[in-house]
Amino acid sequence: MADDFSFQIVKTIGTIAEGKGGWNLELNLVSWGGRPAKYDIRSWSPDHQKMGKGATFTKEELTALKSLLNNSELE
């Protein structure tokens, strides 16, 4: 089953934070297992071959998150 795991970073949108050892928290458009690409926030190794846990969003979900953040007072 692990052999079926594949991903492709379709578009790099930007770095949210720089971490230790070159790992960065990034927002990218990623296709998982050949499926249509989704917006993805997670940490990546410098060569993008290893990744940390993250969250994946459809365009509609990311738009809702953006709206929430725009209308929230962050502390």
N, C-alpha and C. Protein backbone atom coordinates (compact mmCIF):
# COMPACT_ATOMS: atom_id res chain seq x y z
N MET A 1 0.81 -1.18 0.00
CA MET A 1 0.00 0.00 0.00
C MET A 1 0.87 1.26 0.00
N ALA A 2 1.97 1.26 0.72
CA ALA A 2 2.85 2.42 0.75
C ALA A 2 3.43 2.71 -0.63
N ASP A 3 3.50 1.70 -1.50
CA ASP A 3 4.02 1.90 -2.84
C ASP A 3 3.09 2.77 -3.68
N ASP A 4 1.79 2.83 -3.31
CA ASP A 4 0.81 3.60 -4.07
C ASP A 4 0.85 5.08 -3.73
N PHE A 5 1.60 5.46 -2.70
CA PHE A 5 1.65 6.85 -2.27
C PHE A 5 2.44 7.68 -3.26
N SER A 6 1.80 8.71 -3.77
CA SER A 6 2.50 9.63 -4.68
C SER A 6 1.94 11.02 -4.49
N PHE A 7 2.76 11.99 -4.79
CA PHE A 7 2.32 13.38 -4.71
C PHE A 7 3.10 14.20 -5.72
N GLN A 8 2.50 15.31 -6.11
CA GLN A 8 3.18 16.26 -6.98
C GLN A 8 2.81 17.66 -6.53
N ILE A 9 3.82 18.47 -6.24
CA ILE A 9 3.58 19.87 -5.92
C ILE A 9 3.34 20.57 -7.26
N VAL A 10 2.08 20.93 -7.50
CA VAL A 10 1.69 21.54 -8.76
C VAL A 10 2.08 23.02 -8.80
N LYS A 11 1.94 23.69 -7.65
CA LYS A 11 2.28 25.11 -7.58
C LYS A 11 2.72 25.45 -6.17
N THR A 12 3.85 26.12 -6.06
CA THR A 12 4.32 26.62 -4.77
C THR A 12 3.74 28.01 -4.59
N ILE A 13 2.95 28.19 -3.53
CA ILE A 13 2.32 29.49 -3.31
C ILE A 13 3.18 30.36 -2.40
N GLY A 14 3.73 29.77 -1.32
CA GLY A 14 4.61 30.56 -0.48
C GLY A 14 4.98 29.87 0.81
N THR A 15 5.98 30.46 1.46
CA THR A 15 6.46 29.97 2.75
C THR A 15 5.80 30.76 3.87
N ILE A 16 5.21 30.04 4.82
CA ILE A 16 4.55 30.66 5.97
C ILE A 16 5.58 30.92 7.07
N ALA A 17 6.46 29.95 7.29
CA ALA A 17 7.49 30.08 8.33
C ALA A 17 8.68 29.21 7.97
N GLU A 18 9.86 29.70 8.35
CA GLU A 18 11.09 28.93 8.16
C GLU A 18 11.42 28.20 9.44
N GLY A 19 11.74 26.91 9.32
CA GLY A 19 12.03 26.11 10.49
C GLY A 19 13.48 25.70 10.58
N LYS A 20 13.77 24.86 11.57
CA LYS A 20 15.12 24.38 11.79
C LYS A 20 15.52 23.38 10.71
N GLY A 21 16.79 23.36 10.40
CA GLY A 21 17.30 22.37 9.46
C GLY A 21 16.82 22.55 8.04
N GLY A 22 16.31 23.74 7.72
CA GLY A 22 15.86 24.00 6.36
C GLY A 22 14.41 23.62 6.08
N TRP A 23 13.74 22.99 7.05
CA TRP A 23 12.34 22.64 6.86
C TRP A 23 11.50 23.91 6.94
N ASN A 24 10.54 24.04 6.01
CA ASN A 24 9.69 25.22 5.97
C ASN A 24 8.21 24.82 6.00
N LEU A 25 7.42 25.64 6.68
CA LEU A 25 5.97 25.50 6.64
C LEU A 25 5.50 26.25 5.41
N GLU A 26 4.82 25.53 4.48
CA GLU A 26 4.50 26.11 3.19
C GLU A 26 3.03 25.93 2.83
N LEU A 27 2.54 26.82 1.99
CA LEU A 27 1.24 26.68 1.34
C LEU A 27 1.52 26.34 -0.11
N ASN A 28 1.05 25.17 -0.55
CA ASN A 28 1.26 24.71 -1.92
C ASN A 28 -0.03 24.14 -2.47
N LEU A 29 -0.09 24.00 -3.77
CA LEU A 29 -1.16 23.28 -4.45
C LEU A 29 -0.58 21.91 -4.77
N VAL A 30 -1.15 20.85 -4.16
CA VAL A 30 -0.55 19.51 -4.25
C VAL A 30 -1.58 18.50 -4.78
N SER A 31 -1.14 17.67 -5.69
CA SER A 31 -1.93 16.54 -6.17
C SER A 31 -1.47 15.30 -5.42
N TRP A 32 -2.40 14.66 -4.73
CA TRP A 32 -2.10 13.45 -3.95
C TRP A 32 -2.63 12.24 -4.70
N GLY A 33 -1.77 11.28 -4.99
CA GLY A 33 -2.20 10.04 -5.65
C GLY A 33 -2.82 10.26 -7.02
N GLY A 34 -2.38 11.31 -7.72
CA GLY A 34 -2.90 11.56 -9.06
C GLY A 34 -4.26 12.23 -9.10
N ARG A 35 -4.81 12.54 -7.92
CA ARG A 35 -6.12 13.21 -7.87
C ARG A 35 -5.95 14.71 -8.12
N PRO A 36 -7.08 15.41 -8.35
CA PRO A 36 -6.98 16.86 -8.56
C PRO A 36 -6.28 17.54 -7.39
N ALA A 37 -5.50 18.57 -7.71
CA ALA A 37 -4.71 19.27 -6.69
C ALA A 37 -5.60 20.01 -5.71
N LYS A 38 -5.13 20.05 -4.45
CA LYS A 38 -5.79 20.78 -3.38
C LYS A 38 -4.76 21.67 -2.70
N TYR A 39 -5.25 22.67 -2.00
CA TYR A 39 -4.37 23.55 -1.23
C TYR A 39 -3.89 22.81 0.00
N ASP A 40 -2.62 22.95 0.31
CA ASP A 40 -2.00 22.13 1.34
C ASP A 40 -1.05 22.97 2.19
N ILE A 41 -1.22 22.87 3.51
CA ILE A 41 -0.31 23.55 4.44
C ILE A 41 0.39 22.47 5.25
N ARG A 42 1.72 22.42 5.15
CA ARG A 42 2.51 21.45 5.91
C ARG A 42 3.98 21.83 5.86
N SER A 43 4.78 21.19 6.69
CA SER A 43 6.22 21.43 6.66
C SER A 43 6.85 20.46 5.66
N TRP A 44 7.86 20.99 4.96
CA TRP A 44 8.57 20.23 3.93
C TRP A 44 10.07 20.32 4.18
N SER A 45 10.77 19.23 3.85
CA SER A 45 12.23 19.24 3.88
C SER A 45 12.72 20.12 2.73
N PRO A 46 13.98 20.54 2.78
CA PRO A 46 14.50 21.42 1.74
C PRO A 46 14.34 20.88 0.32
N ASP A 47 14.45 19.55 0.14
CA ASP A 47 14.34 18.96 -1.20
C ASP A 47 12.91 18.52 -1.55
N HIS A 48 11.96 18.77 -0.66
CA HIS A 48 10.55 18.41 -0.84
C HIS A 48 10.33 16.91 -1.02
N GLN A 49 11.23 16.09 -0.50
CA GLN A 49 11.07 14.64 -0.56
C GLN A 49 10.45 14.09 0.73
N LYS A 50 10.57 14.85 1.82
CA LYS A 50 9.98 14.46 3.11
C LYS A 50 9.05 15.56 3.56
N MET A 51 8.01 15.15 4.30
CA MET A 51 7.03 16.13 4.75
C MET A 51 6.56 15.81 6.15
N GLY A 52 6.04 16.83 6.82
CA GLY A 52 5.44 16.65 8.12
C GLY A 52 3.93 16.54 7.97
N LYS A 53 3.26 16.42 9.09
CA LYS A 53 1.80 16.39 9.07
C LYS A 53 1.28 17.74 8.61
N GLY A 54 0.13 17.73 7.98
CA GLY A 54 -0.41 18.98 7.46
C GLY A 54 -1.91 18.92 7.33
N ALA A 55 -2.43 19.92 6.66
CA ALA A 55 -3.87 20.03 6.40
C ALA A 55 -4.07 20.36 4.93
N THR A 56 -5.07 19.72 4.33
CA THR A 56 -5.37 19.89 2.93
C THR A 56 -6.78 20.47 2.78
N PHE A 57 -6.93 21.44 1.87
CA PHE A 57 -8.19 22.16 1.71
C PHE A 57 -8.60 22.24 0.24
N THR A 58 -9.90 22.16 0.00
CA THR A 58 -10.41 22.49 -1.32
C THR A 58 -10.38 24.01 -1.47
N LYS A 59 -10.61 24.51 -2.66
CA LYS A 59 -10.64 25.95 -2.87
C LYS A 59 -11.73 26.59 -2.00
N GLU A 60 -12.88 25.94 -1.90
CA GLU A 60 -13.98 26.47 -1.11
C GLU A 60 -13.63 26.51 0.38
N GLU A 61 -12.97 25.46 0.87
CA GLU A 61 -12.57 25.42 2.28
C GLU A 61 -11.53 26.50 2.58
N LEU A 62 -10.57 26.68 1.68
CA LEU A 62 -9.54 27.69 1.89
C LEU A 62 -10.15 29.10 1.84
N THR A 63 -11.12 29.30 0.96
CA THR A 63 -11.82 30.58 0.89
C THR A 63 -12.56 30.86 2.20
N ALA A 64 -13.20 29.83 2.76
CA ALA A 64 -13.91 29.98 4.04
C ALA A 64 -12.92 30.29 5.16
N LEU A 65 -11.76 29.63 5.17
CA LEU A 65 -10.73 29.90 6.17
C LEU A 65 -10.22 31.33 6.04
N LYS A 66 -9.97 31.77 4.82
CA LYS A 66 -9.51 33.13 4.57
C LYS A 66 -10.54 34.14 5.10
N SER A 67 -11.79 33.90 4.86
CA SER A 67 -12.86 34.78 5.34
C SER A 67 -12.89 34.81 6.87
N LEU A 68 -12.76 33.65 7.48
CA LEU A 68 -12.71 33.57 8.94
C LEU A 68 -11.57 34.38 9.50
N LEU A 69 -10.39 34.23 8.91
CA LEU A 69 -9.21 34.95 9.38
C LEU A 69 -9.35 36.46 9.15
N ASN A 70 -9.89 36.84 8.01
CA ASN A 70 -10.08 38.25 7.71
C ASN A 70 -11.05 38.92 8.69
N ASN A 71 -12.02 38.17 9.19
CA ASN A 71 -13.05 38.71 10.07
C ASN A 71 -12.80 38.44 11.55
N SER A 72 -11.62 37.93 11.86
CA SER A 72 -11.28 37.59 13.25
C SER A 72 -10.19 38.53 13.76
N GLU A 73 -10.28 38.81 15.03
CA GLU A 73 -9.23 39.58 15.66
C GLU A 73 -8.28 38.58 16.31
N LEU A 74 -7.10 38.45 15.76
CA LEU A 74 -6.13 37.48 16.27
C LEU A 74 -5.44 38.04 17.50
N GLU A 75 -5.23 37.17 18.46
CA GLU A 75 -4.58 37.59 19.72
C GLU A 75 -3.13 37.17 19.76
